[in-house]
C-alpha atoms as a PDB file:
ATOM      1  CA  MET A   1       0.125  -0.017   0.002  1.00  0.00           C
ATOM      2  CA  ASN A   2       1.142   3.394  -0.618  1.00  0.00           C
ATOM      3  CA  SER A   3       2.237   6.011   1.686  1.00  0.00           C
ATOM      4  CA  THR A   4      -0.606   8.061   3.186  1.00  0.00           C
ATOM      5  CA  PRO A   5      -0.787  11.367   1.149  1.00  0.00           C
ATOM      6  CA  GLN A   6      -0.991  14.773   3.296  1.00  0.00           C
ATOM      7  CA  LYS A   7      -2.459  16.607   0.688  1.00  0.00           C
ATOM      8  CA  ILE A   8      -5.279  15.576  -1.557  1.00  0.00           C
ATOM      9  CA  LEU A   9      -7.259  17.148  -4.679  1.00  0.00           C
ATOM     10  CA  ILE A  10     -10.731  16.126  -5.231  1.00  0.00           C
ATOM     11  CA  ILE A  11     -12.394  16.862  -8.515  1.00  0.00           C
ATOM     12  CA  LYS A  12     -16.075  17.226  -9.296  1.00  0.00           C
ATOM     13  CA  VAL A  13     -17.398  19.586 -11.213  1.00  0.00           C
ATOM     14  CA  GLY A  14     -21.123  19.023 -11.472  1.00  0.00           C
ATOM     15  CA  ARG A  15     -24.723  19.979 -10.494  1.00  0.00           C
ATOM     16  CA  ILE A  16     -26.471  19.514  -7.266  1.00  0.00           C
ATOM     17  CA  GLY A  17     -27.374  15.968  -7.794  1.00  0.00           C
ATOM     18  CA  ASP A  18     -24.008  15.028  -8.845  1.00  0.00           C
ATOM     19  CA  MET A  19     -22.287  16.350  -5.634  1.00  0.00           C
ATOM     20  CA  VAL A  20     -24.766  14.624  -3.580  1.00  0.00           C
ATOM     21  CA  MET A  21     -24.019  11.199  -5.232  1.00  0.00           C
ATOM     22  CA  LEU A  22     -20.206  12.129  -4.212  1.00  0.00           C
ATOM     23  CA  THR A  23     -21.175  12.309  -0.744  1.00  0.00           C
ATOM     24  CA  PRO A  24     -20.415   8.558  -0.084  1.00  0.00           C
ATOM     25  CA  ALA A  25     -17.240   8.673  -1.435  1.00  0.00           C
ATOM     26  CA  LEU A  26     -16.544  11.769   0.396  1.00  0.00           C
ATOM     27  CA  GLN A  27     -17.512   9.911   3.654  1.00  0.00           C
ATOM     28  CA  ARG A  28     -14.731   7.124   2.968  1.00  0.00           C
ATOM     29  CA  ILE A  29     -12.195   9.709   1.986  1.00  0.00           C
ATOM     30  CA  ALA A  30     -12.653  11.041   5.238  1.00  0.00           C
ATOM     31  CA  GLU A  31     -12.110   7.752   7.181  1.00  0.00           C
ATOM     32  CA  LEU A  32      -9.345   6.572   4.940  1.00  0.00           C
ATOM     33  CA  TYR A  33      -7.246   9.917   5.053  1.00  0.00           C
ATOM     34  CA  PRO A  34      -8.253  11.668   8.475  1.00  0.00           C
ATOM     35  CA  SER A  35      -5.129  13.567   8.777  1.00  0.00           C
ATOM     36  CA  ALA A  36      -4.895  14.746   4.998  1.00  0.00           C
ATOM     37  CA  ARG A  37      -5.399  18.329   4.139  1.00  0.00           C
ATOM     38  CA  LYS A  38      -8.283  18.111   1.308  1.00  0.00           C
ATOM     39  CA  ASP A  39      -9.061  20.621  -1.129  1.00  0.00           C
ATOM     40  CA  LEU A  40     -11.862  20.649  -3.974  1.00  0.00           C
ATOM     41  CA  MET A  41     -12.096  21.653  -7.654  1.00  0.00           C
ATOM     42  CA  THR A  42     -15.562  22.043  -8.509  1.00  0.00           C
ATOM     43  CA  GLY A  43     -18.236  24.413 -10.137  1.00  0.00           C
ATOM     44  CA  PRO A  44     -20.340  26.882  -8.731  1.00  0.00           C
ATOM     45  CA  ASP A  45     -23.078  24.359  -7.647  1.00  0.00           C
ATOM     46  CA  GLY A  46     -20.397  22.258  -5.834  1.00  0.00           C
ATOM     47  CA  LYS A  47     -19.246  25.432  -3.961  1.00  0.00           C
ATOM     48  CA  ARG A  48     -22.723  26.097  -2.884  1.00  0.00           C
ATOM     49  CA  MET A  49     -22.656  22.373  -1.502  1.00  0.00           C
ATOM     50  CA  THR A  50     -19.550  22.400   0.446  1.00  0.00           C
ATOM     51  CA  PRO A  51     -20.748  23.599   4.101  1.00  0.00           C
ATOM     52  CA  PHE A  52     -23.006  20.554   3.811  1.00  0.00           C
ATOM     53  CA  LEU A  53     -20.725  17.931   2.803  1.00  0.00           C
ATOM     54  CA  PRO A  54     -19.019  15.199   5.199  1.00  0.00           C
ATOM     55  CA  VAL A  55     -15.520  16.590   4.268  1.00  0.00           C
ATOM     56  CA  LYS A  56     -13.971  20.167   5.315  1.00  0.00           C
ATOM     57  CA  PHE A  57     -12.109  21.466   2.280  1.00  0.00           C
ATOM     58  CA  GLU A  58      -9.274  23.908   3.180  1.00  0.00           C
ATOM     59  CA  ARG A  59      -9.215  25.454  -0.548  1.00  0.00           C
ATOM     60  CA  VAL A  60     -12.194  25.346  -3.010  1.00  0.00           C
ATOM     61  CA  PHE A  61     -11.179  25.949  -6.684  1.00  0.00           C
ATOM     62  CA  ILE A  62     -13.715  26.874  -9.156  1.00  0.00           C
ATOM     63  CA  HIS A  63     -13.666  25.157 -12.844  1.00  0.00           C
ATOM     64  CA  SER A  64     -17.027  26.590 -14.718  1.00  0.00           C
ATOM     65  CA  ARG A  65     -17.924  24.214 -17.729  1.00  0.00           C
ATOM     66  CA  ARG A  66     -18.451  27.518 -19.240  1.00  0.00           C
ATOM     67  CA  THR A  67     -14.818  28.499 -18.812  1.00  0.00           C
ATOM     68  CA  ILE A  68     -13.270  27.973 -22.448  1.00  0.00           C
ATOM     69  CA  TYR A  69     -10.627  30.543 -22.332  1.00  0.00           C
ATOM     70  CA  PHE A  70      -7.391  29.237 -22.675  1.00  0.00           C
ATOM     71  CA  PHE A  71      -5.876  31.736 -20.100  1.00  0.00           C
ATOM     72  CA  ARG A  72      -8.222  30.805 -17.282  1.00  0.00           C
ATOM     73  CA  ARG A  73      -7.608  27.250 -17.234  1.00  0.00           C
ATOM     74  CA  LEU A  74      -4.020  28.048 -17.585  1.00  0.00           C
ATOM     75  CA  LYS A  75      -3.979  30.101 -14.395  1.00  0.00           C
ATOM     76  CA  LEU A  76      -6.074  27.440 -12.698  1.00  0.00           C
ATOM     77  CA  ARG A  77      -3.488  24.329 -13.648  1.00  0.00           C
ATOM     78  CA  ARG A  78      -0.704  26.687 -12.283  1.00  0.00           C
ATOM     79  CA  GLU A  79      -2.545  27.012  -9.044  1.00  0.00           C
ATOM     80  CA  LEU A  80      -3.184  23.546  -9.093  1.00  0.00           C
ATOM     81  CA  ALA A  81       0.480  22.471  -9.664  1.00  0.00           C
ATOM     82  CA  ALA A  82       1.758  25.002  -6.798  1.00  0.00           C
ATOM     83  CA  GLU A  83      -0.018  22.920  -4.314  1.00  0.00           C
ATOM     84  CA  ARG A  84       1.886  19.644  -5.243  1.00  0.00           C
ATOM     85  CA  TYR A  85      -0.861  17.195  -4.260  1.00  0.00           C
ATOM     86  CA  ASP A  86       0.270  13.801  -3.217  1.00  0.00           C
ATOM     87  CA  LEU A  87      -2.935  12.363  -4.502  1.00  0.00           C
ATOM     88  CA  ILE A  88      -5.504  13.588  -6.922  1.00  0.00           C
ATOM     89  CA  LEU A  89      -9.001  11.917  -7.014  1.00  0.00           C
ATOM     90  CA  CYS A  90     -10.698  13.173 -10.099  1.00  0.00           C
ATOM     91  CA  PHE A  91     -14.282  11.991 -10.261  1.00  0.00           C
ATOM     92  CA  GLU A  92     -14.909  13.147 -13.718  1.00  0.00           C
ATOM     93  CA  THR A  93     -15.492  10.909 -16.586  1.00  0.00           C
ATOM     94  CA  ASN A  94     -14.887  13.446 -19.229  1.00  0.00           C
ATOM     95  CA  PRO A  95     -11.313  12.026 -20.794  1.00  0.00           C
ATOM     96  CA  GLY A  96     -10.421  15.943 -21.149  1.00  0.00           C
ATOM     97  CA  TYR A  97      -9.648  16.280 -17.383  1.00  0.00           C
ATOM     98  CA  ARG A  98      -6.893  13.785 -17.728  1.00  0.00           C
ATOM     99  CA  GLN A  99      -5.051  16.092 -20.417  1.00  0.00           C
ATOM    100  CA  PHE A 100      -6.010  19.016 -17.919  1.00  0.00           C
ATOM    101  CA  LEU A 101      -4.282  17.242 -14.979  1.00  0.00           C
ATOM    102  CA  ALA A 102      -1.301  15.365 -16.488  1.00  0.00           C
ATOM    103  CA  GLY A 103       1.832  15.807 -14.398  1.00  0.00           C
ATOM    104  CA  LEU A 104       0.240  17.481 -11.538  1.00  0.00           C
ATOM    105  CA  SER A 105       0.885  14.348  -9.093  1.00  0.00           C
ATOM    106  CA  GLU A 106       2.353  11.026  -9.130  1.00  0.00           C
ATOM    107  CA  ARG A 107      -0.566   9.560  -7.827  1.00  0.00           C
ATOM    108  CA  MET A 108      -3.769  10.156  -9.801  1.00  0.00           C
ATOM    109  CA  PHE A 109      -7.123   8.032  -9.829  1.00  0.00           C
ATOM    110  CA  PHE A 110     -10.169   8.317 -12.490  1.00  0.00           C
ATOM    111  CA  PRO A 111     -13.550   6.350 -12.669  1.00  0.00           C
ATOM    112  CA  GLU A 112     -13.479   3.037 -14.418  1.00  0.00           C
ATOM    113  CA  ASN A 113     -16.108   2.391 -17.207  1.00  0.00           C
ATOM    114  CA  LEU A 114     -18.285  -0.158 -15.510  1.00  0.00           C
ATOM    115  CA  PRO A 115     -21.672  -0.138 -17.255  1.00  0.00           C
ATOM    116  CA  GLY A 116     -24.614  -0.665 -15.171  1.00  0.00           C
ATOM    117  CA  LEU A 117     -22.995   0.294 -11.734  1.00  0.00           C
ATOM    118  CA  HIS A 118     -24.559   3.117  -9.695  1.00  0.00           C
ATOM    119  CA  TYR A 119     -22.577   6.248  -9.971  1.00  0.00           C
ATOM    120  CA  SER A 120     -22.054   6.535  -6.123  1.00  0.00           C
ATOM    121  CA  ASP A 121     -20.771   3.017  -6.106  1.00  0.00           C
ATOM    122  CA  LEU A 122     -18.697   3.781  -9.120  1.00  0.00           C
ATOM    123  CA  LEU A 123     -17.073   6.802  -7.098  1.00  0.00           C
ATOM    124  CA  LEU A 124     -16.665   4.444  -3.989  1.00  0.00           C
ATOM    125  CA  ARG A 125     -14.826   1.727  -5.851  1.00  0.00           C
ATOM    126  CA  MET A 126     -12.281   4.421  -7.081  1.00  0.00           C
ATOM    127  CA  THR A 127     -11.810   5.518  -3.572  1.00  0.00           C
ATOM    128  CA  HIS A 128     -10.976   2.350  -2.223  1.00  0.00           C
ATOM    129  CA  HIS A 129      -8.796   1.583  -5.306  1.00  0.00           C
ATOM    130  CA  SER A 130      -6.791   4.877  -3.993  1.00  0.00           C
ATOM    131  CA  ALA A 131      -6.232   3.252  -0.764  1.00  0.00           C
ATOM    132  CA  GLY A 132      -5.170  -0.205  -2.105  1.00  0.00           C
ATOM    133  CA  ILE A 133      -8.466  -1.704  -0.678  1.00  0.00           C
ATOM    134  CA  GLU A 134     -10.378  -4.348  -2.486  1.00  0.00           C
ATOM    135  CA  PRO A 135     -13.812  -2.910  -3.310  1.00  0.00           C
ATOM    136  CA  ALA A 136     -16.360  -4.470  -1.181  1.00  0.00           C
ATOM    137  CA  GLN A 137     -19.943  -5.143  -2.081  1.00  0.00           C
ATOM    138  CA  THR A 138     -20.977  -2.482   0.391  1.00  0.00           C
ATOM    139  CA  GLY A 139     -23.155   0.224  -1.471  1.00  0.00           C
ATOM    140  CA  ARG A 140     -25.789   2.156  -0.213  1.00  0.00           C
ATOM    141  CA  GLU A 141     -26.525   0.160   2.833  1.00  0.00           C
ATOM    142  CA  SER A 142     -23.387   0.864   4.403  1.00  0.00           C
ATOM    143  CA  PHE A 143     -22.458   4.205   2.635  1.00  0.00           C
ATOM    144  CA  PRO A 144     -25.710   6.050   1.936  1.00  0.00           C
ATOM    145  CA  ALA A 145     -25.697   9.525   0.504  1.00  0.00           C
ATOM    146  CA  ARG A 146     -25.830  11.758   3.223  1.00  0.00           C
ATOM    147  CA  ILE A 147     -25.651  15.506   3.969  1.00  0.00           C
ATOM    148  CA  HIS A 148     -26.161  17.485   7.050  1.00  0.00           C
ATOM    149  CA  VAL A 149     -27.538  21.060   8.111  1.00  0.00           C
ATOM    150  CA  SER A 150     -27.093  22.688  11.026  1.00  0.00           C
ATOM    151  CA  PRO A 151     -29.369  22.665  14.046  1.00  0.00           C
ATOM    152  CA  GLU A 152     -29.840  26.034  14.574  1.00  0.00           C
ATOM    153  CA  ARG A 153     -30.882  26.702  11.230  1.00  0.00           C
ATOM    154  CA  GLU A 154     -33.205  23.799  11.057  1.00  0.00           C
ATOM    155  CA  THR A 155     -34.768  25.264  14.302  1.00  0.00           C
ATOM    156  CA  ALA A 156     -35.156  28.795  12.643  1.00  0.00           C
ATOM    157  CA  THR A 157     -36.683  26.969   9.709  1.00  0.00           C
ATOM    158  CA  ALA A 158     -39.182  25.465  11.929  1.00  0.00           C
ATOM    159  CA  GLU A 159     -40.176  28.721  13.642  1.00  0.00           C
ATOM    160  CA  PHE A 160     -40.734  30.330  10.387  1.00  0.00           C
ATOM    161  CA  LEU A 161     -42.932  27.287   9.276  1.00  0.00           C
ATOM    162  CA  LYS A 162     -45.108  27.585  12.542  1.00  0.00           C
ATOM    163  CA  THR A 163     -45.760  31.281  11.217  1.00  0.00           C
ATOM    164  CA  LEU A 164     -47.442  29.724   8.090  1.00  0.00           C
ATOM    165  CA  GLY A 165     -49.548  27.022  10.271  1.00  0.00           C
ATOM    166  CA  ILE A 166     -47.259  24.532   9.486  1.00  0.00           C
ATOM    167  CA  THR A 167     -46.531  22.677  12.918  1.00  0.00           C
ATOM    168  CA  PRO A 168     -44.076  19.842  13.617  1.00  0.00           C
ATOM    169  CA  GLU A 169     -47.165  17.413  14.015  1.00  0.00           C
ATOM    170  CA  MET A 170     -48.319  18.135  10.707  1.00  0.00           C
ATOM    171  CA  LEU A 171     -47.691  15.905   7.585  1.00  0.00           C
ATOM    172  CA  LEU A 172     -45.918  17.806   5.069  1.00  0.00           C
ATOM    173  CA  ILE A 173     -45.850  16.689   1.588  1.00  0.00           C
ATOM    174  CA  GLY A 174     -43.625  18.373  -0.981  1.00  0.00           C
ATOM    175  CA  PHE A 175     -44.114  18.507  -4.872  1.00  0.00           C
ATOM    176  CA  HIS A 176     -40.951  19.414  -7.222  1.00  0.00           C
ATOM    177  CA  PRO A 177     -42.864  20.120 -10.602  1.00  0.00           C
ATOM    178  CA  SER A 178     -39.610  21.302 -12.469  1.00  0.00           C
ATOM    179  CA  PHE A 179     -35.949  20.248 -13.342  1.00  0.00           C
ATOM    180  CA  SER A 180     -32.906  22.206 -13.980  1.00  0.00           C
ATOM    181  CA  GLY A 181     -33.622  24.300 -17.241  1.00  0.00           C
ATOM    182  CA  ILE A 182     -37.162  23.610 -17.251  1.00  0.00           C
ATOM    183  CA  HIS A 183     -37.207  27.521 -17.920  1.00  0.00           C
ATOM    184  CA  LYS A 184     -34.454  27.521 -20.483  1.00  0.00           C
ATOM    185  CA  PRO A 185     -35.143  27.863 -24.398  1.00  0.00           C
ATOM    186  CA  HIS A 186     -37.527  25.848 -26.379  1.00  0.00           C
ATOM    187  CA  LYS A 187     -34.824  23.718 -28.014  1.00  0.00           C
ATOM    188  CA  TYR A 188     -33.484  22.395 -24.516  1.00  0.00           C
ATOM    189  CA  ILE A 189     -37.121  21.792 -23.528  1.00  0.00           C
ATOM    190  CA  LYS A 190     -37.894  20.039 -26.357  1.00  0.00           C
ATOM    191  CA  ARG A 191     -34.900  17.736 -25.589  1.00  0.00           C
ATOM    192  CA  TYR A 192     -35.844  17.135 -22.285  1.00  0.00           C
ATOM    193  CA  ARG A 193     -39.386  17.445 -22.362  1.00  0.00           C
ATOM    194  CA  HIS A 194     -40.079  13.616 -21.210  1.00  0.00           C
ATOM    195  CA  LYS A 195     -38.883  14.478 -17.994  1.00  0.00           C
ATOM    196  CA  VAL A 196     -41.998  16.999 -17.459  1.00  0.00           C
ATOM    197  CA  TRP A 197     -44.832  15.328 -15.792  1.00  0.00           C
ATOM    198  CA  ALA A 198     -47.904  17.433 -16.617  1.00  0.00           C
ATOM    199  CA  ALA A 199     -49.526  20.151 -14.194  1.00  0.00           C
ATOM    200  CA  GLU A 200     -52.761  18.187 -14.239  1.00  0.00           C
ATOM    201  CA  ASN A 201     -51.103  15.162 -12.960  1.00  0.00           C
ATOM    202  CA  TYR A 202     -49.716  17.104  -9.875  1.00  0.00           C
ATOM    203  CA  ALA A 203     -52.979  18.903  -9.277  1.00  0.00           C
ATOM    204  CA  GLU A 204     -54.920  15.474  -9.577  1.00  0.00           C
ATOM    205  CA  LEU A 205     -52.550  13.906  -7.272  1.00  0.00           C
ATOM    206  CA  ALA A 206     -52.858  16.762  -4.763  1.00  0.00           C
ATOM    207  CA  VAL A 207     -56.631  16.650  -4.611  1.00  0.00           C
ATOM    208  CA  ARG A 208     -56.777  12.693  -4.197  1.00  0.00           C
ATOM    209  CA  LEU A 209     -53.993  12.938  -1.435  1.00  0.00           C
ATOM    210  CA  ALA A 210     -55.922  15.870   0.382  1.00  0.00           C
ATOM    211  CA  ALA A 211     -59.338  13.930   0.150  1.00  0.00           C
ATOM    212  CA  GLU A 212     -57.839  10.755   1.414  1.00  0.00           C
ATOM    213  CA  LEU A 213     -56.088  12.858   4.398  1.00  0.00           C
ATOM    214  CA  LYS A 214     -59.112  14.919   5.200  1.00  0.00           C
ATOM    215  CA  LYS A 215     -61.202  11.642   5.434  1.00  0.00           C
ATOM    216  CA  ARG A 216     -58.800  10.316   7.697  1.00  0.00           C
ATOM    217  CA  ASN A 217     -58.593  13.618  10.023  1.00  0.00           C
ATOM    218  CA  ILE A 218     -54.882  14.131   9.171  1.00  0.00           C
ATOM    219  CA  PRO A 219     -53.600  17.738   9.329  1.00  0.00           C
ATOM    220  CA  HIS A 220     -51.602  18.170   6.400  1.00  0.00           C
ATOM    221  CA  ARG A 221     -50.133  20.547   3.710  1.00  0.00           C
ATOM    222  CA  ILE A 222     -49.280  19.757   0.330  1.00  0.00           C
ATOM    223  CA  VAL A 223     -46.439  22.573  -0.902  1.00  0.00           C
ATOM    224  CA  MET A 224     -44.170  23.738  -3.578  1.00  0.00           C
ATOM    225  CA  ASN A 225     -41.010  25.669  -3.415  1.00  0.00           C
ATOM    226  CA  VAL A 226     -39.458  26.696  -6.699  1.00  0.00           C
ATOM    227  CA  VAL A 227     -37.155  29.305  -7.845  1.00  0.00           C
ATOM    228  CA  PRO A 228     -38.757  32.492  -9.458  1.00  0.00           C
ATOM    229  CA  ALA A 229     -38.183  31.362 -13.090  1.00  0.00           C
ATOM    230  CA  GLU A 230     -40.444  28.183 -12.368  1.00  0.00           C
ATOM    231  CA  ARG A 231     -43.000  29.928  -9.879  1.00  0.00           C
ATOM    232  CA  LYS A 232     -45.848  30.096 -12.725  1.00  0.00           C
ATOM    233  CA  ILE A 233     -45.508  26.405 -13.073  1.00  0.00           C
ATOM    234  CA  ALA A 234     -46.415  25.830  -9.315  1.00  0.00           C
ATOM    235  CA  GLU A 235     -48.994  28.626  -9.365  1.00  0.00           C
ATOM    236  CA  ASN A 236     -50.643  26.708 -12.141  1.00  0.00           C
ATOM    237  CA  ILE A 237     -50.488  23.538 -10.156  1.00  0.00           C
ATOM    238  CA  ALA A 238     -52.058  25.222  -7.250  1.00  0.00           C
ATOM    239  CA  ARG A 239     -55.082  26.742  -9.469  1.00  0.00           C
ATOM    240  CA  LEU A 240     -55.810  23.428 -10.955  1.00  0.00           C
ATOM    241  CA  SER A 241     -55.822  21.593  -7.636  1.00  0.00           C
ATOM    242  CA  GLY A 242     -58.257  24.182  -6.414  1.00  0.00           C
ATOM    243  CA  GLY A 243     -55.851  24.871  -3.431  1.00  0.00           C
ATOM    244  CA  ALA A 244     -55.039  21.326  -2.586  1.00  0.00           C
ATOM    245  CA  ALA A 245     -51.311  22.084  -3.413  1.00  0.00           C
ATOM    246  CA  GLU A 246     -50.003  25.543  -2.896  1.00  0.00           C
ATOM    247  CA  VAL A 247     -46.972  27.350  -3.280  1.00  0.00           C
ATOM    248  CA  LEU A 248     -44.468  28.033  -0.321  1.00  0.00           C
ATOM    249  CA  ASP A 249     -42.116  31.232   0.026  1.00  0.00           C
ATOM    250  CA  LEU A 250     -39.102  30.425   2.089  1.00  0.00           C
ATOM    251  CA  PRO A 251     -36.299  33.147   3.766  1.00  0.00           C
ATOM    252  CA  ALA A 252     -33.542  33.611   1.279  1.00  0.00           C
ATOM    253  CA  GLY A 253     -30.770  31.154   1.525  1.00  0.00           C
ATOM    254  CA  PHE A 254     -29.548  27.747   0.406  1.00  0.00           C
ATOM    255  CA  GLU A 255     -29.376  26.035   3.812  1.00  0.00           C
ATOM    256  CA  SER A 256     -33.221  27.227   4.635  1.00  0.00           C
ATOM    257  CA  TYR A 257     -34.564  25.430   1.200  1.00  0.00           C
ATOM    258  CA  LEU A 258     -32.322  22.305   2.702  1.00  0.00           C
ATOM    259  CA  CYS A 259     -34.333  22.649   6.182  1.00  0.00           C
ATOM    260  CA  TYR A 260     -37.257  23.014   4.360  1.00  0.00           C
ATOM    261  CA  LEU A 261     -36.774  20.000   2.480  1.00  0.00           C
ATOM    262  CA  LYS A 262     -35.623  17.864   5.788  1.00  0.00           C
ATOM    263  CA  ARG A 263     -38.981  18.715   7.332  1.00  0.00           C
ATOM    264  CA  LEU A 264     -40.831  17.050   4.695  1.00  0.00           C
ATOM    265  CA  ASN A 265     -42.498  13.711   5.277  1.00  0.00           C
ATOM    266  CA  LEU A 266     -42.792  13.132   1.718  1.00  0.00           C
ATOM    267  CA  PHE A 267     -40.849  14.693  -1.469  1.00  0.00           C
ATOM    268  CA  ILE A 268     -42.427  13.755  -5.028  1.00  0.00           C
ATOM    269  CA  GLY A 269     -40.686  14.874  -8.560  1.00  0.00           C
ATOM    270  CA  PRO A 270     -38.505  13.840 -11.025  1.00  0.00           C
ATOM    271  CA  ASP A 271     -35.103  13.132 -11.391  1.00  0.00           C
ATOM    272  CA  THR A 272     -33.471  16.252 -10.141  1.00  0.00           C
ATOM    273  CA  GLY A 273     -30.835  17.832  -7.628  1.00  0.00           C
ATOM    274  CA  PRO A 274     -33.855  18.385  -5.139  1.00  0.00           C
ATOM    275  CA  MET A 275     -34.644  14.583  -5.548  1.00  0.00           C
ATOM    276  CA  HIS A 276     -31.383  13.725  -4.507  1.00  0.00           C
ATOM    277  CA  LEU A 277     -31.145  16.349  -1.399  1.00  0.00           C
ATOM    278  CA  SER A 278     -34.290  15.083  -0.188  1.00  0.00           C
ATOM    279  CA  ALA A 279     -33.104  11.609  -0.145  1.00  0.00           C
ATOM    280  CA  ALA A 280     -29.954  12.598   1.445  1.00  0.00           C
ATOM    281  CA  LEU A 281     -31.545  14.506   4.153  1.00  0.00           C
ATOM    282  CA  GLY A 282     -33.336  11.189   5.114  1.00  0.00           C
ATOM    283  CA  VAL A 283     -36.900  11.972   3.575  1.00  0.00           C
ATOM    284  CA  GLN A 284     -39.001   9.596   2.047  1.00  0.00           C
ATOM    285  CA  VAL A 285     -38.999  10.027  -1.739  1.00  0.00           C
ATOM    286  CA  ILE A 286     -41.146   9.023  -4.668  1.00  0.00           C
ATOM    287  CA  ALA A 287     -38.743   9.666  -7.746  1.00  0.00           C
ATOM    288  CA  LEU A 288     -40.042  10.016 -11.345  1.00  0.00           C
ATOM    289  CA  PHE A 289     -37.965   8.648 -13.928  1.00  0.00           C
ATOM    290  CA  SER A 290     -37.860   8.996 -17.751  1.00  0.00           C
ATOM    291  CA  GLY A 291     -34.823   8.115 -20.003  1.00  0.00           C
ATOM    292  CA  GLU A 292     -32.599   7.425 -16.979  1.00  0.00           C
ATOM    293  CA  ASP A 293     -32.387   4.144 -14.933  1.00  0.00           C
ATOM    294  CA  PRO A 294     -32.754   4.927 -11.147  1.00  0.00           C
ATOM    295  CA  GLU A 295     -30.384   1.712 -10.536  1.00  0.00           C
ATOM    296  CA  GLN A 296     -27.458   3.883 -12.201  1.00  0.00           C
ATOM    297  CA  CYS A 297     -28.571   7.519 -11.006  1.00  0.00           C
ATOM    298  CA  GLY A 298     -31.355   7.262  -8.445  1.00  0.00           C
ATOM    299  CA  PRO A 299     -31.107   8.267  -4.843  1.00  0.00           C
ATOM    300  CA  PHE A 300     -28.097   6.257  -3.196  1.00  0.00           C
ATOM    301  CA  VAL A 301     -29.906   5.386   0.150  1.00  0.00           C
ATOM    302  CA  PRO A 302     -31.403   2.307   1.601  1.00  0.00           C
ATOM    303  CA  TYR A 303     -34.109   1.084  -0.864  1.00  0.00           C
ATOM    304  CA  GLU A 304     -36.745   1.464   2.124  1.00  0.00           C
ATOM    305  CA  GLN A 305     -36.445   5.007   1.627  1.00  0.00           C
ATOM    306  CA  PHE A 306     -37.573   5.635  -1.791  1.00  0.00           C
ATOM    307  CA  THR A 307     -39.630   4.486  -4.719  1.00  0.00           C
ATOM    308  CA  ALA A 308     -38.350   5.298  -8.380  1.00  0.00           C
ATOM    309  CA  VAL A 309     -41.295   4.866 -10.640  1.00  0.00           C
ATOM    310  CA  ARG A 310     -40.058   4.590 -14.710  1.00  0.00           C
ATOM    311  CA  ALA A 311     -41.838   5.726 -17.382  1.00  0.00           C
ATOM    312  CA  GLU A 312     -40.291   2.836 -19.395  1.00  0.00           C
ATOM    313  CA  ASN A 313     -42.076   0.237 -17.254  1.00  0.00           C
ATOM    314  CA  CYS A 314     -45.625   1.688 -18.360  1.00  0.00           C
ATOM    315  CA  ALA A 315     -47.655   1.321 -21.328  1.00  0.00           C
ATOM    316  CA  HIS A 316     -46.804   4.135 -23.271  1.00  0.00           C
ATOM    317  CA  PRO A 317     -43.203   5.196 -22.319  1.00  0.00           C
ATOM    318  CA  GLU A 318     -42.689   7.326 -25.312  1.00  0.00           C
ATOM    319  CA  LYS A 319     -45.161   9.700 -23.611  1.00  0.00           C
ATOM    320  CA  GLY A 320     -42.162  10.561 -20.856  1.00  0.00           C
ATOM    321  CA  LEU A 321     -43.145  11.060 -17.275  1.00  0.00           C
ATOM    322  CA  ASN A 322     -46.576  11.477 -18.683  1.00  0.00           C
ATOM    323  CA  ALA A 323     -46.971   7.857 -19.026  1.00  0.00           C
ATOM    324  CA  LEU A 324     -47.398   7.796 -15.272  1.00  0.00           C
ATOM    325  CA  SER A 325     -50.871   8.527 -14.156  1.00  0.00           C
ATOM    326  CA  ALA A 326     -51.533  10.433 -10.897  1.00  0.00           C
ATOM    327  CA  GLY A 327     -53.396   7.372  -9.575  1.00  0.00           C
ATOM    328  CA  HIS A 328     -50.165   5.298 -10.109  1.00  0.00           C
ATOM    329  CA  ILE A 329     -48.229   7.641  -7.798  1.00  0.00           C
ATOM    330  CA  PHE A 330     -51.354   8.070  -5.276  1.00  0.00           C
ATOM    331  CA  TYR A 331     -50.966   4.391  -4.951  1.00  0.00           C
ATOM    332  CA  CYS A 332     -47.460   4.562  -4.052  1.00  0.00           C
ATOM    333  CA  THR A 333     -47.985   7.172  -1.496  1.00  0.00           C
ATOM    334  CA  LYS A 334     -50.098   4.461   0.312  1.00  0.00           C
ATOM    335  CA  PHE A 335     -47.100   2.377   0.695  1.00  0.00           C
ATOM    336  CA  ILE A 336     -45.009   4.876   1.977  1.00  0.00           C
ATOM    337  CA  LEU A 337     -47.251   6.777   4.119  1.00  0.00           C
ATOM    338  CA  THR A 338     -48.721   3.548   5.634  1.00  0.00           C
ATOM    339  CA  PRO A 339     -46.679   3.961   9.099  1.00  0.00           C
ATOM    340  CA  VAL A 340     -47.853   7.612   9.465  1.00  0.00           C
ATOM    341  CA  ILE A 341     -51.417   7.486   8.570  1.00  0.00           C
ATOM    342  CA  TYR A 342     -52.638   4.448   7.118  1.00  0.00           C
ATOM    343  CA  ASN A 343     -52.590   2.098  10.060  1.00  0.00           C
END
């Protein structure tokens, strides 16, 4: 086994969901190299995630995928070279990173090409390999994706929710009716429209859930919190549901949003960053998939914590998420909420 490194550079430039799927590997890095200094090269979303990850980083280098100018990349490479890292763990599959990092360390590791393996498992294997450990079949049960928020901010968010009539005892169900880029130009939306579950479906689901919970005298709220560019989507669902679902505004700040997600009893939405965040915060999740395999990029948490529903398993998968009926998802909620309300 190689000598223990004292300076480690970790590289992951991705969106929120990518950073969440990295957390099992980060937890293992913290355990395998407890005394080493750890730096991170990431993108803007990764920087926003750093306070909530299981590793404390000394330095964070920002590498935007939009940074195409040669002199910007050259400056970043010089900064990395000056650090003289003992170990570089590049969790990017793009081969361009090999060329960019060439010569920066004698010990560099990159992900293997292992089709069918969950992305988090792939990164765990690479982490074990860097330490000379034979990869074990441990996976999501031993190293689930996890992020953490401060107890103080969690308490503050709970107090704020009380001002909206949402008490700790109330059942809180969150819809996330959008995905990254849904408000971008039409060309982009056309490419990813299979990830859109129609507003009518969310509205019908909200109405059915509200009727069932009211019949059982369960205090509840069905809420949506979205970025301003997506607010019209949520408002339309609220209107179509006759108020069964509502738009919820939160105090500014990413951690406030995380605390809101953690407060949910159930999250329902497509394969997005908020879906991964909710699962990593310990929330029960119903994840809607089309075009992707949840066994490769779904929530990396114990199976009993989430239900992945695939359009490909329905009669008309060409419809994307709209192949999934509101009745189908309502049926899934009964299994998840049984310990809470259906006994």
